[in-house]
Amino acid sequence: MKKINTPLDLNKIKFLKAGQEVLLSGTIYTARDQAHKRLVQAVKSRQALPFELCNAVIYYCGPTQTPKGKIIGSCGPTTSSRMDAFTNLLLAKGLRGMIGKGNRSEEVRGAIKKYRGVYFITYAGCGALLNKYVKNAKTVAYADLGPEAILRLEVENFPLIVAIDVNGGNVYGKD
C-alpha cells in the first residue's frame, strides 16, 4: 500500500493508478450535497470559502452523531454521483482529491483528468470501522446543516482505493 499525506499536490498523486490501495493521512473535509451547493454558491459570488480548496480533499460523508467518548460517529462514504453537478467547478478552483463510493459521470471523469485530480473510494458499509482512522474532528462551516455540515478531519492511514487517477484510469471501466 502506498502512504500519502495531505495536502495533495500533483507530485504526490501523479504516479497513482486506478485500483491501487492507498493509506491517507492528514486533513480532509467532509461535505455532502447541501454543503457542495453552498461552496459552489460562494465560489460563484466570490465569497470566502470555509477552507482552502487548493490541493484539498473532500470526503463525501455525513457522519452520524458522535457517541460519548468517541471522536466521531460512523463515517462511511455516501454516493459520489450526487456531487457530480458541483465537482467540475471545485476541481477548476483547485480541489485535488475526492473520497466517496460509486462511479462518476463522464463529465466528472473528464474534469478529473483535465484538472489532474484523483477520486478515491473507500469501504461502503464500514462507517463504524472507518471512524477509528479519524484522530480529530471539528465543524468548520454550515453547522445548521447538521450531519451535512463541513467537518475538518485529521485522519491517519485512512484506507482508500484509487478509483479514477490523474490520467483518467478508472476501476469502473469507461461507462
Protein backbone atom coordinates (compact mmCIF):
# COMPACT_ATOMS: atom_id res chain seq x y z
CA MET A 1 0.00 0.00 0.00
CA LYS A 2 1.15 3.49 -0.83
CA LYS A 3 1.12 6.01 2.03
CA ILE A 4 0.40 9.64 1.13
CA ASN A 5 -0.26 12.80 3.13
CA THR A 6 -2.37 15.86 2.54
CA PRO A 7 -2.29 18.42 1.09
CA LEU A 8 -2.35 16.53 -2.20
CA ASP A 9 -0.21 18.33 -4.72
CA LEU A 10 0.21 16.83 -8.17
CA ASN A 11 3.64 15.41 -7.35
CA LYS A 12 2.05 13.19 -4.67
CA ILE A 13 -0.69 11.76 -6.88
CA LYS A 14 0.62 11.70 -10.45
CA PHE A 15 2.02 8.18 -10.03
CA LEU A 16 -1.15 6.69 -8.51
CA LYS A 17 -3.01 4.21 -10.73
CA ALA A 18 -6.64 3.15 -10.73
CA GLY A 19 -7.06 0.13 -8.46
CA GLN A 20 -4.08 0.99 -6.24
CA GLU A 21 -4.62 0.85 -2.49
CA VAL A 22 -3.61 3.94 -0.51
CA LEU A 23 -3.37 4.94 3.15
CA LEU A 24 -4.09 8.66 3.51
CA SER A 25 -3.01 10.78 6.46
CA GLY A 26 -3.59 14.47 7.15
CA THR A 27 -6.51 16.87 6.83
CA ILE A 28 -9.64 16.10 4.83
CA TYR A 29 -13.04 17.82 4.80
CA THR A 30 -16.47 16.21 4.88
CA ALA A 31 -19.10 17.65 2.55
CA ARG A 32 -22.31 16.32 1.07
CA ASP A 33 -24.96 17.72 -1.28
CA GLN A 34 -26.07 20.84 0.59
CA ALA A 35 -22.55 21.82 1.62
CA HIS A 36 -21.42 21.45 -2.00
CA LYS A 37 -24.26 23.68 -3.12
CA ARG A 38 -23.11 26.37 -0.67
CA LEU A 39 -19.46 26.01 -1.66
CA VAL A 40 -20.33 26.50 -5.33
CA GLN A 41 -22.55 29.49 -4.50
CA ALA A 42 -19.65 31.02 -2.54
CA VAL A 43 -17.23 30.49 -5.44
CA LYS A 44 -19.67 31.98 -7.95
CA SER A 45 -20.34 35.03 -5.76
CA ARG A 46 -16.63 35.42 -4.92
CA GLN A 47 -17.17 34.91 -1.20
CA ALA A 48 -14.53 33.47 1.10
CA LEU A 49 -14.60 29.70 1.39
CA PRO A 50 -14.53 27.95 4.79
CA PHE A 51 -11.31 26.13 3.82
CA GLU A 52 -8.62 26.38 1.17
CA LEU A 53 -9.65 24.33 -1.87
CA CYS A 54 -6.20 24.23 -3.44
CA ASN A 55 -4.83 20.68 -3.05
CA ALA A 56 -7.62 19.80 -0.59
CA VAL A 57 -9.50 16.51 -0.25
CA ILE A 58 -13.27 16.33 0.23
CA TYR A 59 -14.81 13.21 1.75
CA TYR A 60 -18.43 12.67 0.71
CA CYS A 61 -19.62 11.80 4.17
CA GLY A 62 -22.21 12.87 6.71
CA PRO A 63 -21.13 11.30 10.00
CA THR A 64 -23.66 10.06 12.50
CA GLN A 65 -23.92 11.63 15.95
CA THR A 66 -20.74 11.23 17.96
CA PRO A 67 -21.12 8.71 20.77
CA LYS A 68 -19.83 9.66 24.21
CA GLY A 69 -16.10 9.09 24.45
CA LYS A 70 -15.58 8.93 20.68
CA ILE A 71 -14.05 11.44 18.26
CA ILE A 72 -16.71 10.91 15.59
CA GLY A 73 -19.65 8.66 14.88
CA SER A 74 -19.98 6.28 11.98
CA CYS A 75 -18.39 7.95 8.97
CA GLY A 76 -18.86 5.90 5.85
CA PRO A 77 -18.90 7.27 2.30
CA THR A 78 -22.02 8.47 0.51
CA THR A 79 -22.80 8.06 -3.18
CA SER A 80 -20.43 10.34 -5.05
CA SER A 81 -22.56 10.92 -8.15
CA ARG A 82 -24.84 13.14 -6.05
CA MET A 83 -21.98 15.69 -6.01
CA ASP A 84 -21.29 15.49 -9.76
CA ALA A 85 -23.16 18.72 -10.56
CA PHE A 86 -20.75 20.65 -8.32
CA THR A 87 -17.47 18.85 -8.92
CA ASN A 88 -16.20 20.45 -12.14
CA LEU A 89 -16.14 23.97 -10.65
CA LEU A 90 -14.47 22.81 -7.43
CA LEU A 91 -11.78 20.96 -9.37
CA ALA A 92 -11.23 24.08 -11.51
CA LYS A 93 -10.70 26.04 -8.28
CA GLY A 94 -8.00 23.65 -7.04
CA LEU A 95 -9.73 20.74 -5.32
CA ARG A 96 -7.33 17.83 -5.78
CA GLY A 97 -8.98 14.78 -4.23
CA MET A 98 -12.39 13.32 -3.53
CA ILE A 99 -13.41 10.29 -1.48
CA GLY A 100 -16.73 8.50 -1.82
CA LYS A 101 -18.35 5.45 -3.32
CA GLY A 102 -19.56 4.57 -6.79
CA ASN A 103 -18.72 5.68 -10.31
CA ARG A 104 -18.69 9.28 -11.54
CA SER A 105 -20.33 10.85 -14.59
CA GLU A 106 -18.49 11.17 -17.88
CA GLU A 107 -18.24 14.95 -17.28
CA VAL A 108 -16.62 14.48 -13.87
CA ARG A 109 -14.26 11.82 -15.17
CA GLY A 110 -13.15 14.29 -17.84
CA ALA A 111 -12.72 17.07 -15.27
CA ILE A 112 -10.62 14.82 -13.02
CA LYS A 113 -8.28 14.19 -15.94
CA LYS A 114 -8.30 17.84 -17.11
CA TYR A 115 -7.55 19.31 -13.67
CA ARG A 116 -5.27 16.42 -12.63
CA GLY A 117 -7.29 15.34 -9.63
CA VAL A 118 -7.90 11.95 -8.09
CA TYR A 119 -11.05 10.18 -6.99
CA PHE A 120 -10.74 7.63 -4.22
CA ILE A 121 -13.29 5.16 -2.98
CA THR A 122 -13.44 3.67 0.46
CA TYR A 123 -15.24 0.78 2.03
CA ALA A 124 -19.01 1.27 1.97
CA GLY A 125 -20.98 -0.19 4.85
CA CYS A 126 -17.99 0.11 7.18
CA GLY A 127 -18.56 3.58 8.64
CA ALA A 128 -18.39 2.28 12.21
CA LEU A 129 -14.93 0.89 11.45
CA LEU A 130 -13.67 3.84 9.41
CA ASN A 131 -14.07 6.14 12.40
CA LYS A 132 -11.01 4.56 14.04
CA TYR A 133 -8.81 6.29 11.44
CA VAL A 134 -10.15 9.73 12.44
CA LYS A 135 -7.92 11.33 15.08
CA ASN A 136 -9.70 14.69 15.33
CA ALA A 137 -12.96 16.18 14.03
CA LYS A 138 -14.15 19.78 14.12
CA THR A 139 -17.07 21.56 12.47
CA VAL A 140 -15.72 24.36 10.28
CA ALA A 141 -18.78 25.53 8.31
CA TYR A 142 -22.53 25.27 7.83
CA ALA A 143 -23.31 23.87 11.27
CA ASP A 144 -27.00 24.48 10.53
CA LEU A 145 -26.85 21.53 8.11
CA GLY A 146 -26.40 19.09 11.00
CA PRO A 147 -24.71 15.91 9.74
CA GLU A 148 -24.12 17.64 6.38
CA ALA A 149 -22.01 20.40 7.96
CA ILE A 150 -18.42 20.64 6.78
CA LEU A 151 -16.06 18.98 9.23
CA ARG A 152 -12.28 19.12 9.21
CA LEU A 153 -11.00 15.64 9.93
CA GLU A 154 -7.47 14.68 10.83
CA VAL A 155 -7.01 11.14 9.60
CA GLU A 156 -4.23 8.60 9.93
CA ASN A 157 -3.78 5.76 7.45
CA PHE A 158 -7.34 6.15 6.15
CA PRO A 159 -7.82 3.20 3.74
CA LEU A 160 -8.63 4.13 0.14
CA ILE A 161 -8.60 2.72 -3.37
CA VAL A 162 -7.78 4.92 -6.36
CA ALA A 163 -10.96 4.79 -8.45
CA ILE A 164 -10.04 7.43 -11.06
CA ASP A 165 -6.44 8.52 -11.47
CA VAL A 166 -5.00 11.74 -12.94
CA ASN A 167 -4.72 10.12 -16.37
CA GLY A 168 -8.35 9.00 -16.45
CA GLY A 169 -7.73 5.38 -15.46
CA ASN A 170 -10.98 4.12 -13.92
CA VAL A 171 -11.66 0.99 -11.87
CA TYR A 172 -15.26 1.10 -13.10
CA GLY A 173 -14.23 0.97 -16.77
CA LYS A 174 -15.33 3.52 -19.37
CA ASP A 175 -19.04 3.54 -18.57
